[in-house]
PDB file of all heavy atoms in Angstrom:
ATOM      1  N   GLY A   1     -30.242  11.389 -65.992  1.00  0.00           N
ATOM      2  CA  GLY A   1     -31.614  11.855 -66.148  1.00  0.00           C
ATOM      3  C   GLY A   1     -32.510  10.789 -66.720  1.00  0.00           C
ATOM      4  O   GLY A   1     -33.358  11.062 -67.569  1.00  0.00           O
ATOM      5  N   ASN A   2     -32.319   9.545 -66.284  1.00  0.00           N
ATOM      6  CA  ASN A   2     -33.157   8.411 -66.696  1.00  0.00           C
ATOM      7  C   ASN A   2     -33.094   8.159 -68.193  1.00  0.00           C
ATOM      8  O   ASN A   2     -34.015   7.587 -68.778  1.00  0.00           O
ATOM      9  CB  ASN A   2     -34.615   8.633 -66.260  1.00  0.00           C
ATOM     10  CG  ASN A   2     -35.410   7.336 -66.272  1.00  0.00           C
ATOM     11  OD1 ASN A   2     -34.883   6.289 -65.942  1.00  0.00           O
ATOM     12  ND2 ASN A   2     -36.657   7.419 -66.665  1.00  0.00           N
ATOM     13  N   ARG A   3     -32.028   8.616 -68.838  1.00  0.00           N
ATOM     14  CA  ARG A   3     -31.808   8.374 -70.263  1.00  0.00           C
ATOM     15  C   ARG A   3     -32.925   8.939 -71.137  1.00  0.00           C
ATOM     16  O   ARG A   3     -33.041   8.593 -72.299  1.00  0.00           O
ATOM     17  CB  ARG A   3     -31.652   6.872 -70.539  1.00  0.00           C
ATOM     18  CG  ARG A   3     -30.482   6.227 -69.804  1.00  0.00           C
ATOM     19  CD  ARG A   3     -30.289   4.823 -70.318  1.00  0.00           C
ATOM     20  NE  ARG A   3     -29.189   4.158 -69.611  1.00  0.00           N
ATOM     21  CZ  ARG A   3     -29.372   3.385 -68.566  1.00  0.00           C
ATOM     22  NH1 ARG A   3     -30.574   3.179 -68.117  1.00  0.00           N
ATOM     23  NH2 ARG A   3     -28.342   2.816 -67.988  1.00  0.00           N
ATOM     24  N   ALA A   4     -33.757   9.798 -70.591  1.00  0.00           N
ATOM     25  CA  ALA A   4     -34.851  10.343 -71.396  1.00  0.00           C
ATOM     26  C   ALA A   4     -35.020  11.832 -71.179  1.00  0.00           C
ATOM     27  O   ALA A   4     -35.869  12.451 -71.796  1.00  0.00           O
ATOM     28  CB  ALA A   4     -36.147   9.627 -71.051  1.00  0.00           C
ATOM     29  N   GLY A   5     -34.230  12.413 -70.306  1.00  0.00           N
ATOM     30  CA  GLY A   5     -34.312  13.843 -70.072  1.00  0.00           C
ATOM     31  C   GLY A   5     -35.371  14.232 -69.068  1.00  0.00           C
ATOM     32  O   GLY A   5     -35.410  15.343 -68.610  1.00  0.00           O
ATOM     33  N   LYS A   6     -36.252  13.283 -68.651  1.00  0.00           N
ATOM     34  CA  LYS A   6     -37.277  13.589 -67.678  1.00  0.00           C
ATOM     35  C   LYS A   6     -37.577  12.348 -66.862  1.00  0.00           C
ATOM     36  O   LYS A   6     -37.757  11.263 -67.397  1.00  0.00           O
ATOM     37  CB  LYS A   6     -38.560  14.091 -68.346  1.00  0.00           C
ATOM     38  CG  LYS A   6     -39.564  14.670 -67.355  1.00  0.00           C
ATOM     39  CD  LYS A   6     -40.792  15.172 -68.060  1.00  0.00           C
ATOM     40  CE  LYS A   6     -41.681  15.961 -67.089  1.00  0.00           C
ATOM     41  NZ  LYS A   6     -42.004  15.203 -65.869  1.00  0.00           N
ATOM     42  N   ALA A   7     -37.627  12.512 -65.549  1.00  0.00           N
ATOM     43  CA  ALA A   7     -37.895  11.374 -64.687  1.00  0.00           C
ATOM     44  C   ALA A   7     -39.335  10.901 -64.873  1.00  0.00           C
ATOM     45  O   ALA A   7     -40.226  11.688 -65.166  1.00  0.00           O
ATOM     46  CB  ALA A   7     -37.661  11.769 -63.223  1.00  0.00           C
ATOM     47  N   PRO A   8     -39.584   9.591 -64.703  1.00  0.00           N
ATOM     48  CA  PRO A   8     -40.950   9.084 -64.831  1.00  0.00           C
ATOM     49  C   PRO A   8     -41.831   9.596 -63.703  1.00  0.00           C
ATOM     50  O   PRO A   8     -41.370   9.796 -62.580  1.00  0.00           O
ATOM     51  CB  PRO A   8     -40.768   7.567 -64.755  1.00  0.00           C
ATOM     52  CG  PRO A   8     -39.494   7.370 -64.008  1.00  0.00           C
ATOM     53  CD  PRO A   8     -38.619   8.524 -64.391  1.00  0.00           C
ATOM     54  N   ASP A   9     -43.095   9.805 -64.005  1.00  0.00           N
ATOM     55  CA  ASP A   9     -44.075  10.225 -63.014  1.00  0.00           C
ATOM     56  C   ASP A   9     -44.929   9.037 -62.603  1.00  0.00           C
ATOM     57  O   ASP A   9     -44.932   8.001 -63.270  1.00  0.00           O
ATOM     58  CB  ASP A   9     -44.975  11.334 -63.577  1.00  0.00           C
ATOM     59  CG  ASP A   9     -44.199  12.612 -63.868  1.00  0.00           C
ATOM     60  OD1 ASP A   9     -43.448  13.062 -62.985  1.00  0.00           O
ATOM     61  OD2 ASP A   9     -44.339  13.154 -64.975  1.00  0.00           O
ATOM     62  N   SER A  10     -45.656   9.188 -61.514  1.00  0.00           N
ATOM     63  CA  SER A  10     -46.602   8.163 -61.088  1.00  0.00           C
ATOM     64  C   SER A  10     -47.961   8.805 -60.873  1.00  0.00           C
ATOM     65  O   SER A  10     -48.058   9.952 -60.424  1.00  0.00           O
ATOM     66  CB  SER A  10     -46.120   7.471 -59.805  1.00  0.00           C
ATOM     67  OG  SER A  10     -45.809   8.411 -58.799  1.00  0.00           O
ATOM     68  N   TYR A  11     -49.005   8.048 -61.210  1.00  0.00           N
ATOM     69  CA  TYR A  11     -50.384   8.547 -61.098  1.00  0.00           C
ATOM     70  C   TYR A  11     -51.236   7.472 -60.451  1.00  0.00           C
ATOM     71  O   TYR A  11     -51.053   6.281 -60.702  1.00  0.00           O
ATOM     72  CB  TYR A  11     -50.936   8.912 -62.477  1.00  0.00           C
ATOM     73  CG  TYR A  11     -50.103   9.968 -63.176  1.00  0.00           C
ATOM     74  CD1 TYR A  11     -49.169   9.612 -64.145  1.00  0.00           C
ATOM     75  CD2 TYR A  11     -50.220  11.308 -62.831  1.00  0.00           C
ATOM     76  CE1 TYR A  11     -48.392  10.566 -64.769  1.00  0.00           C
ATOM     77  CE2 TYR A  11     -49.436  12.266 -63.450  1.00  0.00           C
ATOM     78  CZ  TYR A  11     -48.534  11.898 -64.413  1.00  0.00           C
ATOM     79  OH  TYR A  11     -47.755  12.853 -65.017  1.00  0.00           O
ATOM     80  N   TYR A  12     -52.187   7.919 -59.635  1.00  0.00           N
ATOM     81  CA  TYR A  12     -53.020   7.001 -58.871  1.00  0.00           C
ATOM     82  C   TYR A  12     -54.477   7.303 -59.162  1.00  0.00           C
ATOM     83  O   TYR A  12     -54.951   8.411 -58.913  1.00  0.00           O
ATOM     84  CB  TYR A  12     -52.736   7.170 -57.372  1.00  0.00           C
ATOM     85  CG  TYR A  12     -53.147   6.007 -56.507  1.00  0.00           C
ATOM     86  CD1 TYR A  12     -52.197   5.192 -55.913  1.00  0.00           C
ATOM     87  CD2 TYR A  12     -54.491   5.729 -56.263  1.00  0.00           C
ATOM     88  CE1 TYR A  12     -52.562   4.128 -55.096  1.00  0.00           C
ATOM     89  CE2 TYR A  12     -54.867   4.661 -55.460  1.00  0.00           C
ATOM     90  CZ  TYR A  12     -53.901   3.865 -54.876  1.00  0.00           C
ATOM     91  OH  TYR A  12     -54.272   2.812 -54.078  1.00  0.00           O
ATOM     92  N   LEU A  13     -55.191   6.332 -59.736  1.00  0.00           N
ATOM     93  CA  LEU A  13     -56.625   6.474 -59.956  1.00  0.00           C
ATOM     94  C   LEU A  13     -57.333   5.725 -58.833  1.00  0.00           C
ATOM     95  O   LEU A  13     -57.393   4.493 -58.829  1.00  0.00           O
ATOM     96  CB  LEU A  13     -57.034   5.902 -61.314  1.00  0.00           C
ATOM     97  CG  LEU A  13     -56.376   6.529 -62.547  1.00  0.00           C
ATOM     98  CD1 LEU A  13     -57.026   6.006 -63.824  1.00  0.00           C
ATOM     99  CD2 LEU A  13     -56.460   8.039 -62.519  1.00  0.00           C
ATOM    100  N   PRO A  14     -57.871   6.454 -57.839  1.00  0.00           N
ATOM    101  CA  PRO A  14     -58.440   5.796 -56.657  1.00  0.00           C
ATOM    102  C   PRO A  14     -59.774   5.139 -56.950  1.00  0.00           C
ATOM    103  O   PRO A  14     -60.435   5.426 -57.961  1.00  0.00           O
ATOM    104  CB  PRO A  14     -58.603   6.964 -55.669  1.00  0.00           C
ATOM    105  CG  PRO A  14     -58.795   8.161 -56.546  1.00  0.00           C
ATOM    106  CD  PRO A  14     -57.955   7.926 -57.773  1.00  0.00           C
ATOM    107  N   ALA A  15     -60.206   4.264 -56.047  1.00  0.00           N
ATOM    108  CA  ALA A  15     -61.486   3.583 -56.212  1.00  0.00           C
ATOM    109  C   ALA A  15     -62.645   4.572 -56.205  1.00  0.00           C
ATOM    110  O   ALA A  15     -63.702   4.293 -56.776  1.00  0.00           O
ATOM    111  CB  ALA A  15     -61.660   2.539 -55.105  1.00  0.00           C
ATOM    112  N   ALA A  16     -62.444   5.734 -55.590  1.00  0.00           N
ATOM    113  CA  ALA A  16     -63.518   6.727 -55.494  1.00  0.00           C
ATOM    114  C   ALA A  16     -63.620   7.617 -56.726  1.00  0.00           C
ATOM    115  O   ALA A  16     -64.371   8.593 -56.724  1.00  0.00           O
ATOM    116  CB  ALA A  16     -63.290   7.598 -54.261  1.00  0.00           C
ATOM    117  N   ARG A  17     -62.895   7.303 -57.806  1.00  0.00           N
ATOM    118  CA  ARG A  17     -62.837   8.227 -58.943  1.00  0.00           C
ATOM    119  C   ARG A  17     -64.202   8.450 -59.592  1.00  0.00           C
ATOM    120  O   ARG A  17     -64.496   9.554 -60.051  1.00  0.00           O
ATOM    121  CB  ARG A  17     -61.846   7.704 -59.997  1.00  0.00           C
ATOM    122  CG  ARG A  17     -62.159   6.335 -60.552  1.00  0.00           C
ATOM    123  CD  ARG A  17     -61.013   5.803 -61.403  1.00  0.00           C
ATOM    124  NE  ARG A  17     -61.236   4.426 -61.841  1.00  0.00           N
ATOM    125  CZ  ARG A  17     -60.928   3.366 -61.116  1.00  0.00           C
ATOM    126  NH1 ARG A  17     -60.378   3.532 -59.927  1.00  0.00           N
ATOM    127  NH2 ARG A  17     -61.157   2.145 -61.569  1.00  0.00           N
ATOM    128  N   SER A  18     -65.053   7.420 -59.627  1.00  0.00           N
ATOM    129  CA  SER A  18     -66.366   7.581 -60.249  1.00  0.00           C
ATOM    130  C   SER A  18     -67.198   8.613 -59.493  1.00  0.00           C
ATOM    131  O   SER A  18     -67.800   9.509 -60.093  1.00  0.00           O
ATOM    132  CB  SER A  18     -67.097   6.236 -60.287  1.00  0.00           C
ATOM    133  OG  SER A  18     -68.398   6.379 -60.807  1.00  0.00           O
ATOM    134  N   GLY A  19     -67.234   8.486 -58.164  1.00  0.00           N
ATOM    135  CA  GLY A  19     -67.989   9.457 -57.361  1.00  0.00           C
ATOM    136  C   GLY A  19     -67.417  10.850 -57.467  1.00  0.00           C
ATOM    137  O   GLY A  19     -68.168  11.835 -57.492  1.00  0.00           O
ATOM    138  N   ILE A  20     -66.087  10.947 -57.531  1.00  0.00           N
ATOM    139  CA  ILE A  20     -65.460  12.265 -57.666  1.00  0.00           C
ATOM    140  C   ILE A  20     -65.860  12.908 -58.986  1.00  0.00           C
ATOM    141  O   ILE A  20     -66.192  14.095 -59.041  1.00  0.00           O
ATOM    142  CB  ILE A  20     -63.929  12.134 -57.554  1.00  0.00           C
ATOM    143  CG1 ILE A  20     -63.541  11.770 -56.123  1.00  0.00           C
ATOM    144  CG2 ILE A  20     -63.242  13.441 -57.972  1.00  0.00           C
ATOM    145  CD1 ILE A  20     -62.069  11.452 -55.946  1.00  0.00           C
ATOM    146  N   MET A  21     -65.854  12.140 -60.064  1.00  0.00           N
ATOM    147  CA  MET A  21     -66.224  12.691 -61.367  1.00  0.00           C
ATOM    148  C   MET A  21     -67.683  13.116 -61.398  1.00  0.00           C
ATOM    149  O   MET A  21     -68.035  14.160 -61.957  1.00  0.00           O
ATOM    150  CB  MET A  21     -65.954  11.665 -62.467  1.00  0.00           C
ATOM    151  CG  MET A  21     -64.489  11.343 -62.691  1.00  0.00           C
ATOM    152  SD  MET A  21     -63.482  12.778 -63.138  1.00  0.00           S
ATOM    153  CE  MET A  21     -64.121  13.144 -64.776  1.00  0.00           C
ATOM    154  N   GLN A  22     -68.563  12.341 -60.761  1.00  0.00           N
ATOM    155  CA  GLN A  22     -69.984  12.676 -60.774  1.00  0.00           C
ATOM    156  C   GLN A  22     -70.291  13.893 -59.909  1.00  0.00           C
ATOM    157  O   GLN A  22     -71.254  14.613 -60.178  1.00  0.00           O
ATOM    158  CB  GLN A  22     -70.811  11.480 -60.308  1.00  0.00           C
ATOM    159  CG  GLN A  22     -70.815  10.333 -61.306  1.00  0.00           C
ATOM    160  CD  GLN A  22     -71.846   9.274 -60.978  1.00  0.00           C
ATOM    161  OE1 GLN A  22     -72.497   9.325 -59.943  1.00  0.00           O
ATOM    162  NE2 GLN A  22     -71.996   8.312 -61.864  1.00  0.00           N
ATOM    163  N   SER A  23     -69.489  14.126 -58.881  1.00  0.00           N
ATOM    164  CA  SER A  23     -69.730  15.272 -57.993  1.00  0.00           C
ATOM    165  C   SER A  23     -68.744  16.408 -58.243  1.00  0.00           C
ATOM    166  O   SER A  23     -68.651  17.329 -57.430  1.00  0.00           O
ATOM    167  CB  SER A  23     -69.630  14.815 -56.528  1.00  0.00           C
ATOM    168  OG  SER A  23     -68.359  14.240 -56.264  1.00  0.00           O
ATOM    169  N   ARG A  24     -68.019  16.360 -59.366  1.00  0.00           N
ATOM    170  CA  ARG A  24     -66.995  17.366 -59.646  1.00  0.00           C
ATOM    171  C   ARG A  24     -67.547  18.775 -59.645  1.00  0.00           C
ATOM    172  O   ARG A  24     -66.941  19.704 -59.102  1.00  0.00           O
ATOM    173  CB  ARG A  24     -66.328  17.055 -60.991  1.00  0.00           C
ATOM    174  CG  ARG A  24     -65.068  17.865 -61.280  1.00  0.00           C
ATOM    175  CD  ARG A  24     -64.926  18.144 -62.749  1.00  0.00           C
ATOM    176  NE  ARG A  24     -66.004  18.990 -63.216  1.00  0.00           N
ATOM    177  CZ  ARG A  24     -65.962  20.325 -63.196  1.00  0.00           C
ATOM    178  NH1 ARG A  24     -64.915  20.955 -62.725  1.00  0.00           N
ATOM    179  NH2 ARG A  24     -66.982  21.031 -63.643  1.00  0.00           N
ATOM    180  N   ASP A  25     -68.718  18.986 -60.246  1.00  0.00           N
ATOM    181  CA  ASP A  25     -69.296  20.329 -60.301  1.00  0.00           C
ATOM    182  C   ASP A  25     -69.594  20.859 -58.904  1.00  0.00           C
ATOM    183  O   ASP A  25     -69.355  22.035 -58.598  1.00  0.00           O
ATOM    184  CB  ASP A  25     -70.578  20.312 -61.140  1.00  0.00           C
ATOM    185  CG  ASP A  25     -70.303  20.022 -62.603  1.00  0.00           C
ATOM    186  OD1 ASP A  25     -69.143  20.205 -63.034  1.00  0.00           O
ATOM    187  OD2 ASP A  25     -71.232  19.599 -63.314  1.00  0.00           O
ATOM    188  N   VAL A  26     -70.146  19.989 -58.043  1.00  0.00           N
ATOM    189  CA  VAL A  26     -70.445  20.402 -56.666  1.00  0.00           C
ATOM    190  C   VAL A  26     -69.154  20.705 -55.922  1.00  0.00           C
ATOM    191  O   VAL A  26     -69.053  21.699 -55.188  1.00  0.00           O
ATOM    192  CB  VAL A  26     -71.234  19.285 -55.941  1.00  0.00           C
ATOM    193  CG1 VAL A  26     -71.464  19.654 -54.480  1.00  0.00           C
ATOM    194  CG2 VAL A  26     -72.552  19.027 -56.645  1.00  0.00           C
ATOM    195  N   LEU A  27     -68.134  19.867 -56.110  1.00  0.00           N
ATOM    196  CA  LEU A  27     -66.854  20.077 -55.436  1.00  0.00           C
ATOM    197  C   LEU A  27     -66.200  21.379 -55.875  1.00  0.00           C
ATOM    198  O   LEU A  27     -65.679  22.137 -55.043  1.00  0.00           O
ATOM    199  CB  LEU A  27     -65.909  18.911 -55.734  1.00  0.00           C
ATOM    200  CG  LEU A  27     -66.193  17.597 -55.023  1.00  0.00           C
ATOM    201  CD1 LEU A  27     -65.350  16.479 -55.613  1.00  0.00           C
ATOM    202  CD2 LEU A  27     -65.920  17.723 -53.534  1.00  0.00           C
ATOM    203  N   SER A  28     -66.236  21.676 -57.177  1.00  0.00           N
ATOM    204  CA  SER A  28     -65.603  22.900 -57.667  1.00  0.00           C
ATOM    205  C   SER A  28     -66.313  24.131 -57.117  1.00  0.00           C
ATOM    206  O   SER A  28     -65.669  25.111 -56.726  1.00  0.00           O
ATOM    207  CB  SER A  28     -65.605  22.929 -59.200  1.00  0.00           C
ATOM    208  OG  SER A  28     -66.927  22.897 -59.697  1.00  0.00           O
ATOM    209  N   THR A  29     -67.648  24.096 -57.041  1.00  0.00           N
ATOM    210  CA  THR A  29     -68.395  25.217 -56.473  1.00  0.00           C
ATOM    211  C   THR A  29     -68.046  25.404 -55.004  1.00  0.00           C
ATOM    212  O   THR A  29     -67.836  26.526 -54.532  1.00  0.00           O
ATOM    213  CB  THR A  29     -69.909  24.974 -56.626  1.00  0.00           C
ATOM    214  OG1 THR A  29     -70.207  24.802 -58.008  1.00  0.00           O
ATOM    215  CG2 THR A  29     -70.706  26.151 -56.082  1.00  0.00           C
ATOM    216  N   ALA A  30     -67.966  24.284 -54.267  1.00  0.00           N
ATOM    217  CA  ALA A  30     -67.621  24.366 -52.848  1.00  0.00           C
ATOM    218  C   ALA A  30     -66.221  24.920 -52.643  1.00  0.00           C
ATOM    219  O   ALA A  30     -65.983  25.714 -51.730  1.00  0.00           O
ATOM    220  CB  ALA A  30     -67.740  22.978 -52.215  1.00  0.00           C
ATOM    221  N   LEU A  31     -65.280  24.531 -53.496  1.00  0.00           N
ATOM    222  CA  LEU A  31     -63.912  25.031 -53.376  1.00  0.00           C
ATOM    223  C   LEU A  31     -63.846  26.533 -53.606  1.00  0.00           C
ATOM    224  O   LEU A  31     -63.145  27.259 -52.897  1.00  0.00           O
ATOM    225  CB  LEU A  31     -63.004  24.304 -54.373  1.00  0.00           C
ATOM    226  CG  LEU A  31     -62.637  22.864 -54.038  1.00  0.00           C
ATOM    227  CD1 LEU A  31     -61.925  22.216 -55.208  1.00  0.00           C
ATOM    228  CD2 LEU A  31     -61.774  22.799 -52.792  1.00  0.00           C
ATOM    229  N   ILE A  32     -64.598  27.020 -54.588  1.00  0.00           N
ATOM    230  CA  ILE A  32     -64.599  28.452 -54.881  1.00  0.00           C
ATOM    231  C   ILE A  32     -65.175  29.235 -53.709  1.00  0.00           C
ATOM    232  O   ILE A  32     -64.635  30.252 -53.261  1.00  0.00           O
ATOM    233  CB  ILE A  32     -65.387  28.734 -56.176  1.00  0.00           C
ATOM    234  CG1 ILE A  32     -64.640  28.136 -57.374  1.00  0.00           C
ATOM    235  CG2 ILE A  32     -65.590  30.224 -56.378  1.00  0.00           C
ATOM    236  CD1 ILE A  32     -65.451  28.129 -58.643  1.00  0.00           C
ATOM    237  N   LYS A  33     -66.299  28.759 -53.166  1.00  0.00           N
ATOM    238  CA  LYS A  33     -66.930  29.454 -52.043  1.00  0.00           C
ATOM    239  C   LYS A  33     -66.044  29.419 -50.812  1.00  0.00           C
ATOM    240  O   LYS A  33     -65.906  30.399 -50.095  1.00  0.00           O
ATOM    241  CB  LYS A  33     -68.285  28.819 -51.738  1.00  0.00           C
ATOM    242  CG  LYS A  33     -69.351  29.126 -52.782  1.00  0.00           C
ATOM    243  CD  LYS A  33     -70.703  28.557 -52.365  1.00  0.00           C
ATOM    244  CE  LYS A  33     -71.780  28.935 -53.373  1.00  0.00           C
ATOM    245  NZ  LYS A  33     -73.109  28.406 -52.980  1.00  0.00           N
ATOM    246  N   ARG A  34     -65.437  28.262 -50.567  1.00  0.00           N
ATOM    247  CA  ARG A  34     -64.598  28.113 -49.378  1.00  0.00           C
ATOM    248  C   ARG A  34     -63.346  28.982 -49.466  1.00  0.00           C
ATOM    249  O   ARG A  34     -62.844  29.478 -48.460  1.00  0.00           O
ATOM    250  CB  ARG A  34     -64.195  26.647 -49.212  1.00  0.00           C
ATOM    251  CG  ARG A  34     -63.684  26.302 -47.818  1.00  0.00           C
ATOM    252  CD  ARG A  34     -63.494  24.795 -47.718  1.00  0.00           C
ATOM    253  NE  ARG A  34     -63.073  24.427 -46.385  1.00  0.00           N
ATOM    254  CZ  ARG A  34     -63.892  24.181 -45.375  1.00  0.00           C
ATOM    255  NH1 ARG A  34     -65.186  24.311 -45.554  1.00  0.00           N
ATOM    256  NH2 ARG A  34     -63.430  23.833 -44.192  1.00  0.00           N
ATOM    257  N   ALA A  35     -62.865  29.180 -50.675  1.00  0.00           N
ATOM    258  CA  ALA A  35     -61.656  29.984 -50.848  1.00  0.00           C
ATOM    259  C   ALA A  35     -61.880  31.441 -50.474  1.00  0.00           C
ATOM    260  O   ALA A  35     -60.933  32.168 -50.187  1.00  0.00           O
ATOM    261  CB  ALA A  35     -61.180  29.894 -52.293  1.00  0.00           C
ATOM    262  N   THR A  36     -63.138  31.894 -50.478  1.00  0.00           N
ATOM    263  CA  THR A  36     -63.415  33.294 -50.157  1.00  0.00           C
ATOM    264  C   THR A  36     -64.075  33.441 -48.792  1.00  0.00           C
ATOM    265  O   THR A  36     -64.466  34.537 -48.419  1.00  0.00           O
ATOM    266  CB  THR A  36     -64.355  33.893 -51.221  1.00  0.00           C
ATOM    267  OG1 THR A  36     -65.576  33.148 -51.249  1.00  0.00           O
ATOM    268  CG2 THR A  36     -63.717  33.859 -52.588  1.00  0.00           C
ATOM    269  N   ARG A  37     -64.222  32.342 -48.053  1.00  0.00           N
ATOM    270  CA  ARG A  37     -64.905  32.416 -46.768  1.00  0.00           C
ATOM    271  C   ARG A  37     -64.036  33.102 -45.724  1.00  0.00           C
ATOM    272  O   ARG A  37     -62.855  32.812 -45.571  1.00  0.00           O
ATOM    273  CB  ARG A  37     -65.282  31.004 -46.288  1.00  0.00           C
ATOM    274  CG  ARG A  37     -66.189  31.007 -45.052  1.00  0.00           C
ATOM    275  CD  ARG A  37     -66.556  29.598 -44.661  1.00  0.00           C
ATOM    276  NE  ARG A  37     -67.252  28.916 -45.733  1.00  0.00           N
ATOM    277  CZ  ARG A  37     -67.577  27.636 -45.676  1.00  0.00           C
ATOM    278  NH1 ARG A  37     -67.246  26.925 -44.617  1.00  0.00           N
ATOM    279  NH2 ARG A  37     -68.214  27.079 -46.676  1.00  0.00           N
ATOM    280  N   ILE A  38     -64.646  34.034 -44.994  1.00  0.00           N
ATOM    281  CA  ILE A  38     -63.930  34.755 -43.942  1.00  0.00           C
ATOM    282  C   ILE A  38     -63.768  33.836 -42.733  1.00  0.00           C
ATOM    283  O   ILE A  38     -64.690  33.126 -42.346  1.00  0.00           O
ATOM    284  CB  ILE A  38     -64.697  36.036 -43.542  1.00  0.00           C
ATOM    285  CG1 ILE A  38     -64.795  36.963 -44.754  1.00  0.00           C
ATOM    286  CG2 ILE A  38     -64.018  36.740 -42.379  1.00  0.00           C
ATOM    287  CD1 ILE A  38     -65.651  38.172 -44.508  1.00  0.00           C
ATOM    288  N   GLY A  39     -62.607  33.894 -42.129  1.00  0.00           N
ATOM    289  CA  GLY A  39     -62.371  33.102 -40.926  1.00  0.00           C
ATOM    290  C   GLY A  39     -62.124  31.640 -41.193  1.00  0.00           C
ATOM    291  O   GLY A  39     -62.400  30.785 -40.351  1.00  0.00           O
TER     292      GLY A  39
END
């Protein structure tokens, strides 16, 4: 078990992270609306 009881994870911070953070509120609203859209 990698001598630590938990395998190491990997994380990727993409070049688009700044735009994602600035538009996070818009994205979250769109996700909520899309999740309830019929069809």
